[in-house]
C-alpha cells in the first residue's frame, strides 16, 4: 500500500554514487518514482546537467512534483531526503518522539526517537568522515606515480591506515555492536522492534566499513545478523535491481557482497 498522494518523484542519480539508500527507502514505501542517471565528467565530478538540478551537483538529489503543483520541490543531502520522504510518505519509519501526555516535556523523549535522531546525524557525521578519509587514502595508494615513488605513497597510506583509519573504524564497529545489542528491539533494529529511516541511513555506511573491519558471526554477531537481515528484505533487493537497470552498469547488489 502506498501513500503517493499523487506526487511525481524523480531521483537524480550520479553514476557510482552512494544514493542507493534513497531508492531503497522509496521501495520500502512502495512509492512510484523515476531515476535520472547522470554521467561523471573526466574529473569524476558531476557535469552541468546535474548542477542544473542543484547547484552543488549532489547525488542523490530528489525532485518532487506535488499533485496540482506547477514546480518541483528539490531536496539534496541523503539525511534531509530520508527525513523529508519519511515525514510526508512514511511516518511509521519515524519513532514517536514523546509518550502520550508528555508532548514537549524536556527529557520525556522516547529512547527510540533519541536513537533515531542520533543515528541520522551520526551516519553522515562521525562515521562517514572516517570512510571518506579511507577513500582519499585509497586514492593515494592507487595513484599513478613513478615506480620509485610508489614505496613512499604506499608507506604514507599504510601509516594512515594503521594509525588512524583502521583503529577508528574498529572503535565505531565496537560501539555499534553494543548499541544495537541494547536497542529496545533486542537488536533486531537500531531504534526498536521495526525498521526506521535511521536503519536505512546507517546500513550503507556499515557496508562500506566492512571493507576495512570484516563482520562475522564471531567478531560482531549482532551487526552481522543485522546486515544480513536487512540485505534480505525484498525492498532492498528491488532497489539494487532498479539501480542496475537504470544505470546500465554491471551493478553487484549489496545483498551479494561478501562481509
Protein backbone atom coordinates (compact mmCIF):
# COMPACT_ATOMS: atom_id res chain seq x y z
CA UNK A 1 0.00 0.00 0.00
CA UNK A 2 1.37 3.42 -0.96
CA UNK A 3 0.93 6.96 0.31
CA UNK A 4 1.93 8.52 -3.02
CA UNK A 5 -0.55 11.44 -2.68
CA UNK A 6 -0.42 11.92 -6.43
CA UNK A 7 3.17 13.19 -6.27
CA UNK A 8 5.68 12.64 -9.08
CA UNK A 9 9.08 11.69 -7.62
CA UNK A 10 12.36 11.73 -9.54
CA UNK A 11 15.70 10.57 -8.14
CA UNK A 12 18.67 12.32 -9.76
CA UNK A 13 21.42 9.73 -9.65
CA UNK A 14 25.10 10.35 -10.34
CA UNK A 15 26.73 7.12 -11.52
CA UNK A 16 28.83 5.31 -8.91
CA UNK A 17 27.44 7.36 -6.04
CA UNK A 18 26.04 6.34 -2.70
CA UNK A 19 22.40 7.07 -3.43
CA UNK A 20 21.02 3.54 -3.25
CA UNK A 21 19.57 4.03 0.21
CA UNK A 22 17.13 6.64 -1.14
CA UNK A 23 15.98 4.13 -3.77
CA UNK A 24 15.68 1.51 -1.03
CA UNK A 25 13.54 3.86 1.07
CA UNK A 26 11.21 4.54 -1.86
CA UNK A 27 10.88 0.80 -2.43
CA UNK A 28 10.11 0.19 1.26
CA UNK A 29 7.28 2.71 0.98
CA UNK A 30 6.01 1.26 -2.31
CA UNK A 31 6.26 4.66 -3.97
CA UNK A 32 6.43 5.17 -7.71
CA UNK A 33 9.45 7.11 -8.94
CA UNK A 34 11.74 7.69 -11.91
CA UNK A 35 15.54 7.61 -11.93
CA UNK A 36 17.51 10.12 -13.99
CA UNK A 37 21.11 8.93 -14.36
CA UNK A 38 23.95 11.42 -14.83
CA UNK A 39 27.45 10.53 -16.01
CA UNK A 40 30.61 11.75 -14.31
CA UNK A 41 32.92 14.02 -16.26
CA UNK A 42 36.63 13.47 -16.90
CA UNK A 43 37.38 14.69 -13.37
CA UNK A 44 34.92 12.16 -11.89
CA UNK A 45 32.60 15.00 -10.91
CA UNK A 46 29.02 15.87 -11.77
CA UNK A 47 28.54 17.72 -15.04
CA UNK A 48 26.35 20.74 -15.75
CA UNK A 49 23.21 18.64 -16.20
CA UNK A 50 23.07 17.62 -12.53
CA UNK A 51 24.17 21.06 -11.39
CA UNK A 52 21.15 22.43 -13.24
CA UNK A 53 19.00 20.47 -10.77
CA UNK A 54 21.02 21.56 -7.71
CA UNK A 55 23.98 23.99 -7.82
CA UNK A 56 26.26 21.64 -5.89
CA UNK A 57 25.67 18.74 -8.26
CA UNK A 58 25.00 16.48 -5.30
CA UNK A 59 23.82 12.91 -5.62
CA UNK A 60 21.35 11.79 -4.67
CA UNK A 61 19.03 14.72 -5.19
CA UNK A 62 15.30 14.25 -5.50
CA UNK A 63 12.64 16.38 -7.09
CA UNK A 64 9.01 16.03 -6.05
CA UNK A 65 6.12 17.49 -8.00
CA UNK A 66 3.06 17.58 -5.70
CA UNK A 67 -0.29 16.85 -7.31
CA UNK A 68 -1.61 20.00 -8.97
CA UNK A 69 1.65 21.95 -8.48
CA UNK A 70 3.48 23.70 -11.32
CA UNK A 71 7.01 23.38 -9.98
CA UNK A 72 9.19 20.81 -8.20
CA UNK A 73 10.41 20.63 -4.62
CA UNK A 74 14.15 19.87 -4.85
CA UNK A 75 15.80 18.17 -1.88
CA UNK A 76 19.52 17.34 -1.58
CA UNK A 77 21.65 15.56 1.04
CA UNK A 78 20.80 11.98 2.00
CA UNK A 79 19.80 12.69 5.59
CA UNK A 80 17.47 15.53 4.57
CA UNK A 81 15.98 13.42 1.78
CA UNK A 82 15.31 10.44 4.06
CA UNK A 83 13.71 12.63 6.72
CA UNK A 84 11.63 14.56 4.17
CA UNK A 85 10.32 11.42 2.49
CA UNK A 86 9.53 9.78 5.82
CA UNK A 87 7.71 12.88 7.07
CA UNK A 88 5.44 13.03 4.03
CA UNK A 89 5.13 9.45 2.83
CA UNK A 90 6.20 7.14 5.68
CA UNK A 91 5.69 8.47 9.18
CA UNK A 92 5.76 4.91 10.52
CA UNK A 93 9.52 4.92 9.82
CA UNK A 94 9.99 7.72 12.39
CA UNK A 95 9.68 6.69 16.06
CA UNK A 96 7.24 8.61 18.23
CA UNK A 97 9.05 11.49 19.92
CA UNK A 98 7.02 11.62 23.13
CA UNK A 99 4.83 9.25 25.11
CA UNK A 100 1.19 10.28 25.10
CA UNK A 101 0.60 13.13 27.52
CA UNK A 102 4.29 14.12 27.65
CA UNK A 103 4.46 16.18 24.45
CA UNK A 104 7.09 18.92 24.65
CA UNK A 105 8.36 17.96 28.11
CA UNK A 106 12.13 18.29 28.43
CA UNK A 107 13.68 14.87 28.91
CA UNK A 108 10.47 12.98 28.09
CA UNK A 109 11.65 11.99 24.61
CA UNK A 110 11.42 8.26 23.91
CA UNK A 111 14.57 6.19 23.66
CA UNK A 112 13.52 5.12 20.16
CA UNK A 113 13.31 8.72 18.93
CA UNK A 114 16.59 9.74 20.61
CA UNK A 115 18.33 6.83 18.88
CA UNK A 116 16.75 7.79 15.57
CA UNK A 117 17.95 11.41 15.76
CA UNK A 118 21.42 10.38 16.89
CA UNK A 119 21.91 7.82 14.12
CA UNK A 120 20.63 10.14 11.39
CA UNK A 121 23.33 12.68 12.27
CA UNK A 122 26.00 10.17 13.31
CA UNK A 123 25.98 8.31 9.99
CA UNK A 124 26.88 11.26 7.77
CA UNK A 125 28.92 12.97 10.50
CA UNK A 126 31.17 10.79 12.65
CA UNK A 127 31.06 7.55 10.68
CA UNK A 128 31.21 8.77 7.10
CA UNK A 129 34.00 11.21 7.96
CA UNK A 130 36.28 8.23 8.62
CA UNK A 131 35.06 6.46 5.50
CA UNK A 132 35.80 9.49 3.33
CA UNK A 133 39.33 9.68 4.73
CA UNK A 134 39.69 5.99 3.88
CA UNK A 135 38.55 6.74 0.32
CA UNK A 136 41.11 9.52 -0.06
CA UNK A 137 43.89 7.32 1.31
CA UNK A 138 42.88 4.55 -1.09
CA UNK A 139 43.17 7.05 -3.94
CA UNK A 140 46.69 7.95 -2.80
CA UNK A 141 47.64 4.29 -2.70
CA UNK A 142 46.44 3.67 -6.26
CA UNK A 143 47.65 6.97 -7.72
CA UNK A 144 49.71 6.65 -10.92
CA UNK A 145 53.17 7.76 -9.73
CA UNK A 146 56.68 6.82 -10.91
CA UNK A 147 57.70 3.37 -9.64
CA UNK A 148 60.44 4.80 -7.41
CA UNK A 149 57.85 6.92 -5.58
CA UNK A 150 55.38 4.06 -5.08
CA UNK A 151 57.01 2.86 -1.83
CA UNK A 152 56.64 6.38 -0.43
CA UNK A 153 52.96 6.81 -1.32
CA UNK A 154 52.18 3.27 -0.16
CA UNK A 155 54.06 3.92 3.06
CA UNK A 156 52.11 7.10 3.76
CA UNK A 157 48.81 5.34 3.02
CA UNK A 158 49.70 2.36 5.20
CA UNK A 159 50.68 4.62 8.09
CA UNK A 160 47.37 6.50 7.95
CA UNK A 161 45.51 3.18 7.73
CA UNK A 162 47.26 1.60 10.70
CA UNK A 163 47.44 4.63 12.98
CA UNK A 164 44.06 6.25 12.27
CA UNK A 165 41.52 4.70 9.88
CA UNK A 166 41.51 1.07 10.97
CA UNK A 167 41.55 1.78 14.74
CA UNK A 168 38.80 4.40 14.34
CA UNK A 169 36.59 2.07 12.33
CA UNK A 170 37.09 -0.69 14.89
CA UNK A 171 36.05 1.73 17.64
CA UNK A 172 32.89 2.60 15.69
CA UNK A 173 32.05 -1.05 14.99
CA UNK A 174 32.60 -1.95 18.66
CA UNK A 175 30.30 0.90 19.67
CA UNK A 176 27.60 -0.04 17.14
CA UNK A 177 27.67 -3.71 18.14
CA UNK A 178 26.94 -2.74 21.73
CA UNK A 179 24.45 -0.02 20.75
CA UNK A 180 22.49 -2.47 18.61
CA UNK A 181 22.53 -5.16 21.29
CA UNK A 182 20.98 -2.70 23.76
CA UNK A 183 18.27 -1.41 21.41
CA UNK A 184 14.63 -1.56 22.56
CA UNK A 185 14.05 -4.12 19.83
CA UNK A 186 16.56 -6.53 21.35
CA UNK A 187 18.97 -5.98 18.48
CA UNK A 188 16.64 -6.52 15.53
CA UNK A 189 16.85 -2.84 14.51
CA UNK A 190 18.76 0.13 15.91
CA UNK A 191 15.81 2.12 17.21
CA UNK A 192 13.30 -0.52 18.24
CA UNK A 193 11.46 -3.63 17.03
CA UNK A 194 10.86 -2.34 13.48
CA UNK A 195 12.71 -0.68 10.61
CA UNK A 196 13.20 3.11 10.69
CA UNK A 197 14.76 5.68 8.39
CA UNK A 198 17.87 5.54 10.59
CA UNK A 199 18.43 1.88 9.70
CA UNK A 200 18.30 2.76 6.02
CA UNK A 201 20.76 5.61 6.57
CA UNK A 202 23.36 3.65 8.54
CA UNK A 203 23.23 0.37 6.65
CA UNK A 204 25.14 1.62 3.62
CA UNK A 205 27.84 3.14 5.85
CA UNK A 206 28.21 -0.20 7.61
CA UNK A 207 28.61 -1.94 4.26
CA UNK A 208 31.45 0.46 3.44
CA UNK A 209 33.03 -0.04 6.86
CA UNK A 210 33.10 -3.80 6.43
CA UNK A 211 35.66 -3.39 3.67
CA UNK A 212 38.11 -2.50 6.45
CA UNK A 213 36.62 -4.21 9.51
CA UNK A 214 35.11 -7.51 8.34
CA UNK A 215 31.97 -8.60 10.14
CA UNK A 216 31.40 -12.22 11.07
CA UNK A 217 29.23 -14.25 13.41
CA UNK A 218 32.14 -14.41 15.83
CA UNK A 219 33.57 -10.87 15.62
CA UNK A 220 30.33 -8.83 15.56
CA UNK A 221 27.40 -11.24 15.84
CA UNK A 222 24.68 -8.61 16.28
CA UNK A 223 25.89 -6.41 13.42
CA UNK A 224 26.43 -9.42 11.18
CA UNK A 225 22.90 -10.73 11.73
CA UNK A 226 21.50 -7.20 11.32
CA UNK A 227 23.29 -6.65 8.00
CA UNK A 228 22.14 -9.97 6.59
CA UNK A 229 18.58 -9.41 7.79
CA UNK A 230 18.33 -6.03 6.03
CA UNK A 231 20.05 -7.31 2.90
CA UNK A 232 17.38 -10.00 2.72
CA UNK A 233 14.48 -7.54 2.58
CA UNK A 234 12.54 -7.58 -0.68
CA UNK A 235 12.65 -3.78 -0.98
CA UNK A 236 16.43 -3.83 -0.59
CA UNK A 237 16.79 -6.34 -3.41
CA UNK A 238 14.38 -4.44 -5.64
CA UNK A 239 16.40 -1.26 -5.09
CA UNK A 240 19.61 -2.97 -6.24
CA UNK A 241 17.88 -4.30 -9.34
CA UNK A 242 16.34 -0.92 -10.11
CA UNK A 243 19.71 0.84 -9.86
CA UNK A 244 21.37 -1.78 -12.05
CA UNK A 245 18.71 -1.43 -14.72
CA UNK A 246 18.72 2.37 -14.65
CA UNK A 247 22.49 2.82 -14.68
CA UNK A 248 23.25 0.10 -17.21
CA UNK A 249 26.31 -0.87 -15.15
CA UNK A 250 27.29 -4.35 -14.05
CA UNK A 251 25.99 -3.47 -10.63
CA UNK A 252 26.55 -6.01 -7.86
CA UNK A 253 23.73 -5.80 -5.32
CA UNK A 254 24.98 -5.19 -1.80
CA UNK A 255 23.00 -8.26 -0.75
CA UNK A 256 25.53 -10.35 -2.66
CA UNK A 257 28.56 -8.60 -1.21
CA UNK A 258 30.84 -10.64 0.97
CA UNK A 259 31.00 -9.39 4.52
